[in-house]
Amino acid sequence: MLRDEINTALREAMKARDERRVSTLRLINAALKNADIDAQGRGKPVLSDEEILPLLQKLIKQRQEAVELYDKAGRAELAARERGEMEIIGAYLPKQMSEAEGKAAVADAIKATGASGIKDMGKVMAALKQDYAGRLDFAKASGWVKQLLAG
């Protein structure tokens, strides 16, 4: 399980006294614990590996936004720290699809769902999320879907 992998990595980082890795892995665990508490409050079980992937992607997206802000403000050391955290978090995500693979997946999803216009975009995005969770950048995929369905 992904949780066990993260906890094992945390123990190893603590033994190696790798402070950056320890803090990042603790941050991941805190986010997982918050999400579990939220899920249990709604009567659902703890998050599965498939549900953890979007959480990790959200953490990376937050760091990307922070890097942009730090770069604009001229805070290179803070931007570098955020990039390091993104690298550590990214190690627990499946390999991302290339742009060509993503566009091919979008085209396949459009064919599979029988989408014919922009009104069918939700069906296509749902199919993509089901088949490619954690491996596809859905912000980019949304643009590709719009482009293919409109044109």
Protein backbone atom coordinates (compact mmCIF):
# COMPACT_ATOMS: atom_id res chain seq x y z
CA MET A 1 0.00 0.00 0.00
CA LEU A 2 1.10 3.55 -0.69
CA ARG A 3 0.68 4.56 2.96
CA ASP A 4 3.06 1.83 4.08
CA GLU A 5 5.58 2.89 1.46
CA ILE A 6 5.43 6.50 2.68
CA ASN A 7 5.76 5.47 6.33
CA THR A 8 8.71 3.20 5.54
CA ALA A 9 10.40 6.03 3.64
CA LEU A 10 9.75 8.33 6.61
CA ARG A 11 11.46 5.91 9.01
CA GLU A 12 14.42 5.55 6.65
CA ALA A 13 14.70 9.34 6.25
CA MET A 14 14.62 9.76 10.03
CA LYS A 15 17.43 7.21 10.44
CA ALA A 16 19.44 8.97 7.72
CA ARG A 17 18.70 12.36 9.34
CA ASP A 18 17.44 13.73 6.02
CA GLU A 19 15.49 16.69 7.40
CA ARG A 20 13.95 17.85 4.12
CA ARG A 21 12.67 14.38 3.30
CA VAL A 22 11.37 13.87 6.85
CA SER A 23 9.47 17.16 6.82
CA THR A 24 7.97 16.50 3.39
CA LEU A 25 6.90 12.96 4.28
CA ARG A 26 5.37 14.22 7.53
CA LEU A 27 3.51 16.83 5.49
CA ILE A 28 2.13 14.04 3.27
CA ASN A 29 1.09 12.03 6.33
CA ALA A 30 -0.65 15.06 7.84
CA ALA A 31 -2.58 15.63 4.60
CA LEU A 32 -3.55 11.94 4.55
CA LYS A 33 -4.69 12.04 8.16
CA ASN A 34 -6.81 15.16 7.49
CA ALA A 35 -8.39 13.53 4.44
CA ASP A 36 -9.08 10.34 6.43
CA ILE A 37 -10.75 12.31 9.21
CA ASP A 38 -12.85 14.16 6.66
CA ALA A 39 -13.84 10.89 4.96
CA GLN A 40 -14.73 9.22 8.25
CA GLY A 41 -16.82 12.25 9.18
CA ARG A 42 -18.88 11.56 6.07
CA GLY A 43 -19.18 7.87 6.95
CA LYS A 44 -16.59 6.62 4.45
CA PRO A 45 -13.57 4.38 5.12
CA VAL A 46 -9.98 5.65 5.05
CA LEU A 47 -8.62 6.64 1.66
CA SER A 48 -7.51 3.91 -0.75
CA ASP A 49 -4.39 4.22 -2.91
CA GLU A 50 -6.53 5.43 -5.83
CA GLU A 51 -7.96 8.19 -3.63
CA ILE A 52 -4.52 9.15 -2.31
CA LEU A 53 -3.17 9.94 -5.80
CA PRO A 54 -5.35 13.05 -6.32
CA LEU A 55 -4.32 14.25 -2.86
CA LEU A 56 -0.64 13.95 -3.79
CA GLN A 57 -1.32 15.74 -7.07
CA LYS A 58 -3.00 18.54 -5.12
CA LEU A 59 0.08 18.87 -2.90
CA ILE A 60 2.30 19.12 -5.97
CA LYS A 61 0.02 21.71 -7.56
CA GLN A 62 0.19 23.80 -4.37
CA ARG A 63 3.97 23.67 -4.54
CA GLN A 64 3.99 24.63 -8.23
CA GLU A 65 1.90 27.69 -7.42
CA ALA A 66 4.24 28.57 -4.55
CA VAL A 67 7.29 28.20 -6.83
CA GLU A 68 5.77 30.65 -9.30
CA LEU A 69 5.10 33.18 -6.54
CA TYR A 70 8.57 32.77 -5.02
CA ASP A 71 10.22 33.12 -8.44
CA LYS A 72 8.29 36.33 -9.12
CA ALA A 73 9.29 37.67 -5.70
CA GLY A 74 12.96 36.78 -6.26
CA ARG A 75 13.03 34.21 -3.43
CA ALA A 76 15.15 31.54 -5.13
CA GLU A 77 15.93 29.65 -1.90
CA LEU A 78 12.24 29.21 -1.07
CA ALA A 79 11.44 28.21 -4.66
CA ALA A 80 14.23 25.62 -4.52
CA ARG A 81 12.81 24.19 -1.27
CA GLU A 82 9.36 23.87 -2.87
CA ARG A 83 10.87 22.17 -5.93
CA GLY A 84 12.60 19.69 -3.63
CA GLU A 85 9.31 18.92 -1.94
CA MET A 86 7.65 18.46 -5.34
CA GLU A 87 10.33 15.93 -6.27
CA ILE A 88 9.83 13.95 -3.06
CA ILE A 89 6.02 13.95 -3.38
CA GLY A 90 6.22 13.14 -7.10
CA ALA A 91 8.15 9.95 -6.33
CA TYR A 92 4.89 8.46 -4.99
CA LEU A 93 2.87 9.24 -8.11
CA PRO A 94 2.76 6.98 -11.16
CA LYS A 95 4.80 8.12 -14.15
CA GLN A 96 3.00 10.95 -15.92
CA MET A 97 1.90 10.45 -19.51
CA SER A 98 3.67 12.43 -22.22
CA GLU A 99 1.71 15.00 -24.21
CA ALA A 100 1.41 12.62 -27.18
CA GLU A 101 0.17 9.78 -24.93
CA GLY A 102 -2.29 12.17 -23.28
CA LYS A 103 -3.71 13.35 -26.58
CA ALA A 104 -4.06 9.75 -27.74
CA ALA A 105 -5.86 8.86 -24.49
CA VAL A 106 -8.24 11.80 -25.00
CA ALA A 107 -8.98 10.70 -28.57
CA ASP A 108 -9.62 7.13 -27.38
CA ALA A 109 -11.92 8.34 -24.60
CA ILE A 110 -13.91 10.44 -27.08
CA LYS A 111 -14.37 7.39 -29.31
CA ALA A 112 -15.21 5.10 -26.38
CA THR A 113 -17.87 7.44 -24.97
CA GLY A 114 -19.31 8.33 -28.36
CA ALA A 115 -18.95 12.04 -27.58
CA SER A 116 -20.02 14.28 -30.44
CA GLY A 117 -19.96 17.80 -29.05
CA ILE A 118 -18.90 20.04 -26.21
CA LYS A 119 -22.01 18.98 -24.24
CA ASP A 120 -20.42 15.51 -23.89
CA MET A 121 -17.24 16.86 -22.31
CA GLY A 122 -18.25 15.68 -18.82
CA LYS A 123 -18.63 12.08 -20.03
CA VAL A 124 -15.19 12.17 -21.65
CA MET A 125 -13.51 13.71 -18.59
CA ALA A 126 -15.17 11.13 -16.30
CA ALA A 127 -13.88 8.30 -18.50
CA LEU A 128 -10.38 9.80 -18.47
CA LYS A 129 -10.40 10.20 -14.69
CA GLN A 130 -11.50 6.60 -14.27
CA ASP A 131 -8.83 5.19 -16.59
CA TYR A 132 -5.89 7.56 -16.10
CA ALA A 133 -6.09 8.87 -12.53
CA GLY A 134 -2.68 10.00 -11.35
CA ARG A 135 -1.04 9.63 -14.75
CA LEU A 136 -2.70 12.40 -16.76
CA ASP A 137 -2.71 16.16 -16.18
CA PHE A 138 -6.45 16.80 -16.31
CA ALA A 139 -6.07 20.55 -16.74
CA LYS A 140 -4.28 19.95 -20.04
CA ALA A 141 -6.59 17.08 -20.94
CA SER A 142 -9.60 19.36 -20.52
CA GLY A 143 -8.17 21.72 -23.13
CA TRP A 144 -7.49 18.85 -25.53
CA VAL A 145 -11.03 17.50 -25.06
CA LYS A 146 -12.52 20.94 -25.79
CA GLN A 147 -10.32 21.32 -28.84
CA LEU A 148 -11.26 17.92 -30.27
CA LEU A 149 -14.98 18.20 -29.51
CA ALA A 150 -15.27 21.77 -30.82
CA GLY A 151 -13.26 21.20 -33.98
